[in-house]
C-alpha atoms as a PDB file:
ATOM      1  CA  UNK A   1      11.725   3.698  -3.699  1.00  0.00           C
ATOM      2  CA  UNK A   2      14.475   5.732  -2.061  1.00  0.00           C
ATOM      3  CA  UNK A   3      12.730   8.942  -3.064  1.00  0.00           C
ATOM      4  CA  UNK A   4       9.666   7.972  -1.067  1.00  0.00           C
ATOM      5  CA  UNK A   5      11.179   6.210   1.935  1.00  0.00           C
ATOM      6  CA  UNK A   6      14.178   8.511   2.094  1.00  0.00           C
ATOM      7  CA  UNK A   7      11.926  11.227   3.479  1.00  0.00           C
ATOM      8  CA  UNK A   8      11.251   9.077   6.527  1.00  0.00           C
ATOM      9  CA  UNK A   9      14.791   8.041   7.408  1.00  0.00           C
ATOM     10  CA  UNK A  10      16.853   9.793  10.026  1.00  0.00           C
ATOM     11  CA  UNK A  11      20.160  10.809   8.390  1.00  0.00           C
ATOM     12  CA  UNK A  12      21.964  11.466  11.675  1.00  0.00           C
ATOM     13  CA  UNK A  13      21.330   7.924  12.953  1.00  0.00           C
ATOM     14  CA  UNK A  14      22.760   5.598  10.284  1.00  0.00           C
ATOM     15  CA  UNK A  15      23.199   2.677  12.714  1.00  0.00           C
ATOM     16  CA  UNK A  16      19.586   2.562  13.883  1.00  0.00           C
ATOM     17  CA  UNK A  17      17.512  -0.369  12.670  1.00  0.00           C
ATOM     18  CA  UNK A  18      14.872   0.417  10.059  1.00  0.00           C
ATOM     19  CA  UNK A  19      11.299   0.510  11.352  1.00  0.00           C
ATOM     20  CA  UNK A  20       9.226  -2.561  10.503  1.00  0.00           C
ATOM     21  CA  UNK A  21       6.898  -0.622   8.184  1.00  0.00           C
ATOM     22  CA  UNK A  22       9.856   0.492   6.041  1.00  0.00           C
ATOM     23  CA  UNK A  23      11.016  -3.132   5.758  1.00  0.00           C
ATOM     24  CA  UNK A  24       7.495  -4.205   4.754  1.00  0.00           C
ATOM     25  CA  UNK A  25       7.063  -1.440   2.176  1.00  0.00           C
ATOM     26  CA  UNK A  26      10.507  -2.159   0.706  1.00  0.00           C
ATOM     27  CA  UNK A  27       9.615  -5.842   0.379  1.00  0.00           C
ATOM     28  CA  UNK A  28       6.254  -5.013  -1.257  1.00  0.00           C
ATOM     29  CA  UNK A  29       7.938  -2.619  -3.656  1.00  0.00           C
ATOM     30  CA  UNK A  30      10.535  -5.170  -4.748  1.00  0.00           C
ATOM     31  CA  UNK A  31       8.246  -8.203  -4.890  1.00  0.00           C
ATOM     32  CA  UNK A  32       4.870  -6.795  -5.939  1.00  0.00           C
ATOM     33  CA  UNK A  33       5.015  -3.299  -7.380  1.00  0.00           C
ATOM     34  CA  UNK A  34       8.280  -3.191  -9.394  1.00  0.00           C
ATOM     35  CA  UNK A  35       7.382  -5.897 -11.929  1.00  0.00           C
ATOM     36  CA  UNK A  36      10.455  -5.413 -14.135  1.00  0.00           C
ATOM     37  CA  UNK A  37      12.807  -5.026 -11.131  1.00  0.00           C
ATOM     38  CA  UNK A  38      14.486  -1.859 -12.378  1.00  0.00           C
ATOM     39  CA  UNK A  39      14.100  -0.028  -9.052  1.00  0.00           C
ATOM     40  CA  UNK A  40      11.523   2.406 -10.433  1.00  0.00           C
ATOM     41  CA  UNK A  41       7.810   2.309 -11.110  1.00  0.00           C
ATOM     42  CA  UNK A  42       7.041   3.006 -14.741  1.00  0.00           C
ATOM     43  CA  UNK A  43       3.606   4.257 -15.720  1.00  0.00           C
ATOM     44  CA  UNK A  44       2.099   0.788 -16.143  1.00  0.00           C
ATOM     45  CA  UNK A  45       3.413  -0.433 -12.772  1.00  0.00           C
ATOM     46  CA  UNK A  46       2.213   2.705 -10.998  1.00  0.00           C
ATOM     47  CA  UNK A  47      -1.210   2.500 -12.647  1.00  0.00           C
ATOM     48  CA  UNK A  48      -1.620  -1.152 -11.700  1.00  0.00           C
ATOM     49  CA  UNK A  49      -0.522  -0.488  -8.108  1.00  0.00           C
ATOM     50  CA  UNK A  50      -2.906   2.439  -7.692  1.00  0.00           C
ATOM     51  CA  UNK A  51      -5.776   0.512  -9.253  1.00  0.00           C
ATOM     52  CA  UNK A  52      -5.082  -2.457  -6.966  1.00  0.00           C
ATOM     53  CA  UNK A  53      -4.950  -0.282  -3.840  1.00  0.00           C
ATOM     54  CA  UNK A  54      -8.084   1.626  -4.843  1.00  0.00           C
ATOM     55  CA  UNK A  55      -9.960  -1.582  -5.605  1.00  0.00           C
ATOM     56  CA  UNK A  56      -9.067  -3.027  -2.207  1.00  0.00           C
ATOM     57  CA  UNK A  57     -10.267   0.105  -0.421  1.00  0.00           C
ATOM     58  CA  UNK A  58     -13.409   0.207  -2.522  1.00  0.00           C
ATOM     59  CA  UNK A  59     -14.219  -3.444  -1.767  1.00  0.00           C
ATOM     60  CA  UNK A  60     -13.793  -2.802   1.950  1.00  0.00           C
ATOM     61  CA  UNK A  61     -16.276   0.074   1.799  1.00  0.00           C
ATOM     62  CA  UNK A  62     -18.733  -2.020  -0.207  1.00  0.00           C
ATOM     63  CA  UNK A  63     -18.585  -4.832   2.374  1.00  0.00           C
ATOM     64  CA  UNK A  64     -19.229  -2.326   5.173  1.00  0.00           C
ATOM     65  CA  UNK A  65     -22.232  -0.889   3.342  1.00  0.00           C
ATOM     66  CA  UNK A  66     -23.664  -4.352   2.673  1.00  0.00           C
ATOM     67  CA  UNK A  67     -23.285  -5.291   6.336  1.00  0.00           C
ATOM     68  CA  UNK A  68     -24.879  -2.032   7.415  1.00  0.00           C
ATOM     69  CA  UNK A  69     -27.809  -2.501   5.031  1.00  0.00           C
ATOM     70  CA  UNK A  70     -28.295  -6.043   6.341  1.00  0.00           C
ATOM     71  CA  UNK A  71     -28.461  -4.686   9.911  1.00  0.00           C
ATOM     72  CA  UNK A  72     -31.014  -2.050   8.880  1.00  0.00           C
ATOM     73  CA  UNK A  73     -33.186  -4.670   7.155  1.00  0.00           C
ATOM     74  CA  UNK A  74     -33.057  -6.891  10.265  1.00  0.00           C
ATOM     75  CA  UNK A  75     -34.241  -4.034  12.476  1.00  0.00           C
ATOM     76  CA  UNK A  76     -37.388  -3.466  10.406  1.00  0.00           C
END
């Protein structure tokens, strides 16, 4: 987690509050992605997370295509 989010922190401003998106991603990592709570994603956790994210994106695109096809059918 620190390897990823550490790239986005500002080292010279240690007292600044974390941006909301960093808080949200940290919470997701701890509660959803890191199933064994060891602070790292092993291969199974990473695979599941990527599959879940891809599936969500894929479903969104499918819904958009279905809606678009419905609009095209209605125009005929």
